[in-house]
Amino acid sequence: MSSPTSAFSVAVSLLNTGQTPVARLTMQRHLRAIAELSFGALEKGEPVSTVTPYWRMVDPASLLAKRLTGGPTFIRERLAAEGRE
């Protein structure tokens, strides 16, 4: 599996280059992998500053948010902690 940072870069690139259905699926797959790794690291006690902040790319009200590790509640909590929601 690629590192969270490189997968995050791929996801951002896909968002910025016109989303074909395949690109959206690829982005979602990468974001799910990133979310799993990042959420797991946070649960193990890693500082927030050391994980990929996938929550910044996902609307907490979206269907994708429901599919990610941590879910919409975690995304809202992180955004609120950063003053973004």
N, C-alpha and C. Protein backbone atom coordinates (compact mmCIF):
# COMPACT_ATOMS: atom_id res chain seq x y z
N MET A 1 0.85 -1.17 0.00
CA MET A 1 0.00 0.00 0.00
C MET A 1 0.90 1.24 0.00
N SER A 2 0.46 2.28 -0.73
CA SER A 2 1.24 3.51 -0.77
C SER A 2 1.10 4.25 0.54
N SER A 3 2.00 5.19 0.75
CA SER A 3 1.93 5.97 2.00
C SER A 3 0.71 6.87 1.97
N PRO A 4 0.21 7.26 3.14
CA PRO A 4 -0.95 8.15 3.17
C PRO A 4 -0.70 9.46 2.43
N THR A 5 0.50 9.99 2.54
CA THR A 5 0.79 11.27 1.91
C THR A 5 0.75 11.17 0.40
N SER A 6 1.33 10.11 -0.18
CA SER A 6 1.30 9.99 -1.64
C SER A 6 -0.11 9.69 -2.12
N ALA A 7 -0.88 8.91 -1.38
CA ALA A 7 -2.26 8.64 -1.75
C ALA A 7 -3.08 9.92 -1.65
N PHE A 8 -2.80 10.74 -0.65
CA PHE A 8 -3.48 12.02 -0.49
C PHE A 8 -3.19 12.90 -1.71
N SER A 9 -1.94 12.92 -2.17
CA SER A 9 -1.57 13.70 -3.34
C SER A 9 -2.33 13.23 -4.57
N VAL A 10 -2.48 11.93 -4.72
CA VAL A 10 -3.24 11.39 -5.84
C VAL A 10 -4.69 11.84 -5.76
N ALA A 11 -5.27 11.77 -4.57
CA ALA A 11 -6.67 12.17 -4.40
C ALA A 11 -6.86 13.64 -4.74
N VAL A 12 -5.96 14.50 -4.27
CA VAL A 12 -6.04 15.93 -4.57
C VAL A 12 -5.91 16.15 -6.07
N SER A 13 -4.97 15.47 -6.69
CA SER A 13 -4.78 15.58 -8.13
C SER A 13 -6.05 15.20 -8.88
N LEU A 14 -6.69 14.11 -8.46
CA LEU A 14 -7.93 13.68 -9.12
C LEU A 14 -9.04 14.71 -8.94
N LEU A 15 -9.10 15.33 -7.80
CA LEU A 15 -10.11 16.35 -7.57
C LEU A 15 -9.90 17.55 -8.47
N ASN A 16 -8.64 17.88 -8.74
CA ASN A 16 -8.32 19.09 -9.48
C ASN A 16 -8.28 18.90 -10.99
N THR A 17 -8.45 17.70 -11.48
CA THR A 17 -8.29 17.46 -12.92
C THR A 17 -9.55 16.96 -13.60
N GLY A 18 -10.70 17.34 -13.10
CA GLY A 18 -11.95 16.93 -13.74
C GLY A 18 -12.28 15.49 -13.39
N GLN A 19 -13.34 15.29 -12.71
CA GLN A 19 -13.63 13.98 -12.16
C GLN A 19 -14.43 13.11 -13.12
N THR A 20 -13.76 12.19 -13.72
CA THR A 20 -14.46 11.15 -14.47
C THR A 20 -14.97 10.15 -13.45
N PRO A 21 -15.93 9.30 -13.81
CA PRO A 21 -16.39 8.29 -12.83
C PRO A 21 -15.25 7.43 -12.29
N VAL A 22 -14.32 7.09 -13.14
CA VAL A 22 -13.18 6.27 -12.69
C VAL A 22 -12.33 7.06 -11.71
N ALA A 23 -12.11 8.33 -11.98
CA ALA A 23 -11.32 9.16 -11.07
C ALA A 23 -12.00 9.28 -9.71
N ARG A 24 -13.32 9.45 -9.71
CA ARG A 24 -14.03 9.53 -8.43
C ARG A 24 -13.88 8.24 -7.64
N LEU A 25 -13.99 7.11 -8.31
CA LEU A 25 -13.83 5.82 -7.62
C LEU A 25 -12.41 5.66 -7.09
N THR A 26 -11.44 6.07 -7.87
CA THR A 26 -10.05 5.98 -7.45
C THR A 26 -9.81 6.88 -6.24
N MET A 27 -10.36 8.09 -6.30
CA MET A 27 -10.20 9.01 -5.18
C MET A 27 -10.83 8.43 -3.92
N GLN A 28 -12.03 7.89 -4.05
CA GLN A 28 -12.69 7.31 -2.88
C GLN A 28 -11.90 6.15 -2.30
N ARG A 29 -11.34 5.33 -3.17
CA ARG A 29 -10.53 4.19 -2.70
C ARG A 29 -9.32 4.68 -1.93
N HIS A 30 -8.65 5.69 -2.47
CA HIS A 30 -7.47 6.25 -1.78
C HIS A 30 -7.87 6.91 -0.46
N LEU A 31 -8.96 7.66 -0.47
CA LEU A 31 -9.39 8.31 0.77
C LEU A 31 -9.77 7.30 1.84
N ARG A 32 -10.38 6.19 1.44
CA ARG A 32 -10.71 5.15 2.44
C ARG A 32 -9.43 4.58 3.05
N ALA A 33 -8.42 4.34 2.21
CA ALA A 33 -7.14 3.82 2.71
C ALA A 33 -6.48 4.83 3.64
N ILE A 34 -6.49 6.10 3.23
CA ILE A 34 -5.90 7.16 4.04
C ILE A 34 -6.62 7.27 5.38
N ALA A 35 -7.95 7.25 5.33
CA ALA A 35 -8.74 7.38 6.55
C ALA A 35 -8.43 6.23 7.51
N GLU A 36 -8.34 5.04 6.99
CA GLU A 36 -8.06 3.88 7.84
C GLU A 36 -6.70 4.02 8.52
N LEU A 37 -5.68 4.40 7.76
CA LEU A 37 -4.34 4.56 8.32
C LEU A 37 -4.27 5.72 9.32
N SER A 38 -4.85 6.85 8.93
CA SER A 38 -4.79 8.04 9.80
C SER A 38 -5.58 7.84 11.08
N PHE A 39 -6.79 7.31 10.95
CA PHE A 39 -7.62 7.09 12.14
C PHE A 39 -6.95 6.09 13.08
N GLY A 40 -6.39 5.05 12.50
CA GLY A 40 -5.69 4.05 13.31
C GLY A 40 -4.50 4.64 14.05
N ALA A 41 -3.75 5.50 13.37
CA ALA A 41 -2.61 6.15 14.01
C ALA A 41 -3.06 7.04 15.16
N LEU A 42 -4.15 7.76 14.96
CA LEU A 42 -4.67 8.62 16.03
C LEU A 42 -5.15 7.79 17.21
N GLU A 43 -5.79 6.67 16.94
CA GLU A 43 -6.23 5.80 18.03
C GLU A 43 -5.07 5.24 18.82
N LYS A 44 -3.91 5.07 18.17
CA LYS A 44 -2.72 4.57 18.86
C LYS A 44 -1.98 5.67 19.61
N GLY A 45 -2.49 6.91 19.50
CA GLY A 45 -1.88 8.00 20.24
C GLY A 45 -0.96 8.90 19.44
N GLU A 46 -0.88 8.71 18.15
CA GLU A 46 -0.04 9.60 17.33
C GLU A 46 -0.61 11.01 17.37
N PRO A 47 0.24 12.02 17.35
CA PRO A 47 -0.27 13.40 17.33
C PRO A 47 -0.95 13.69 15.99
N VAL A 48 -1.96 14.54 16.03
CA VAL A 48 -2.70 14.91 14.82
C VAL A 48 -1.75 15.46 13.76
N SER A 49 -0.73 16.17 14.18
CA SER A 49 0.21 16.79 13.23
C SER A 49 1.00 15.77 12.41
N THR A 50 0.98 14.50 12.80
CA THR A 50 1.76 13.49 12.08
C THR A 50 0.93 12.63 11.14
N VAL A 51 -0.39 12.87 11.09
CA VAL A 51 -1.24 12.05 10.22
C VAL A 51 -1.77 12.90 9.07
N THR A 52 -2.16 12.22 8.00
CA THR A 52 -2.73 12.91 6.84
C THR A 52 -4.15 13.36 7.18
N PRO A 53 -4.44 14.65 7.07
CA PRO A 53 -5.74 15.19 7.48
C PRO A 53 -6.83 14.98 6.42
N TYR A 54 -7.21 13.74 6.22
CA TYR A 54 -8.21 13.42 5.19
C TYR A 54 -9.55 14.10 5.43
N TRP A 55 -9.85 14.42 6.67
CA TRP A 55 -11.14 15.01 7.02
C TRP A 55 -11.35 16.37 6.36
N ARG A 56 -10.26 17.01 5.93
CA ARG A 56 -10.37 18.31 5.27
C ARG A 56 -10.92 18.19 3.85
N MET A 57 -10.86 17.01 3.28
CA MET A 57 -11.31 16.81 1.90
C MET A 57 -12.70 16.21 1.80
N VAL A 58 -13.32 15.87 2.90
CA VAL A 58 -14.58 15.12 2.86
C VAL A 58 -15.70 15.92 3.53
N ASP A 59 -16.78 16.10 2.81
CA ASP A 59 -17.96 16.74 3.38
C ASP A 59 -18.57 15.76 4.39
N PRO A 60 -18.71 16.16 5.65
CA PRO A 60 -19.23 15.23 6.65
C PRO A 60 -20.65 14.76 6.37
N ALA A 61 -21.38 15.48 5.53
CA ALA A 61 -22.75 15.09 5.19
C ALA A 61 -22.80 14.13 3.99
N SER A 62 -21.66 13.82 3.41
CA SER A 62 -21.63 13.00 2.20
C SER A 62 -21.74 11.50 2.51
N LEU A 63 -22.11 10.77 1.49
CA LEU A 63 -22.16 9.32 1.60
C LEU A 63 -20.75 8.77 1.84
N LEU A 64 -19.75 9.38 1.22
CA LEU A 64 -18.37 8.93 1.41
C LEU A 64 -17.98 9.02 2.89
N ALA A 65 -18.38 10.10 3.56
CA ALA A 65 -18.03 10.26 4.99
C ALA A 65 -18.56 9.09 5.80
N LYS A 66 -19.73 8.59 5.44
CA LYS A 66 -20.31 7.47 6.17
C LYS A 66 -19.51 6.19 5.96
N ARG A 67 -18.79 6.12 4.86
CA ARG A 67 -18.02 4.91 4.54
C ARG A 67 -16.61 4.92 5.10
N LEU A 68 -16.16 6.07 5.56
CA LEU A 68 -14.79 6.19 6.04
C LEU A 68 -14.68 5.78 7.50
N THR A 69 -13.51 5.27 7.86
CA THR A 69 -13.22 4.95 9.25
C THR A 69 -13.38 6.23 10.08
N GLY A 70 -14.10 6.15 11.16
CA GLY A 70 -14.36 7.32 11.98
C GLY A 70 -15.70 7.95 11.66
N GLY A 71 -16.10 7.88 10.41
CA GLY A 71 -17.40 8.37 9.99
C GLY A 71 -17.57 9.87 10.09
N PRO A 72 -18.80 10.34 9.82
CA PRO A 72 -19.09 11.77 9.82
C PRO A 72 -18.84 12.45 11.16
N THR A 73 -19.09 11.75 12.25
CA THR A 73 -18.89 12.35 13.57
C THR A 73 -17.43 12.73 13.78
N PHE A 74 -16.52 11.82 13.44
CA PHE A 74 -15.09 12.11 13.59
C PHE A 74 -14.68 13.27 12.69
N ILE A 75 -15.17 13.29 11.46
CA ILE A 75 -14.83 14.37 10.53
C ILE A 75 -15.30 15.70 11.09
N ARG A 76 -16.53 15.75 11.58
CA ARG A 76 -17.04 16.99 12.17
C ARG A 76 -16.21 17.42 13.39
N GLU A 77 -15.84 16.46 14.22
CA GLU A 77 -15.03 16.78 15.41
C GLU A 77 -13.69 17.38 15.01
N ARG A 78 -13.04 16.77 14.02
CA ARG A 78 -11.73 17.26 13.59
C ARG A 78 -11.86 18.64 12.96
N LEU A 79 -12.86 18.84 12.12
CA LEU A 79 -13.06 20.15 11.50
C LEU A 79 -13.34 21.21 12.56
N ALA A 80 -14.15 20.86 13.54
CA ALA A 80 -14.45 21.82 14.62
C ALA A 80 -13.19 22.14 15.43
N ALA A 81 -12.38 21.13 15.68
CA ALA A 81 -11.14 21.34 16.44
C ALA A 81 -10.19 22.27 15.69
N GLU A 82 -10.27 22.26 14.36
CA GLU A 82 -9.42 23.12 13.54
C GLU A 82 -10.09 24.45 13.22
N GLY A 83 -11.32 24.64 13.71
CA GLY A 83 -12.04 25.88 13.45
C GLY A 83 -12.55 25.98 12.02
N ARG A 84 -12.78 24.82 11.38
CA ARG A 84 -13.20 24.83 9.98
C ARG A 84 -14.69 24.54 9.81
N GLU A 85 -15.38 24.23 10.90
CA GLU A 85 -16.81 23.97 10.74
C GLU A 85 -17.60 24.74 11.75
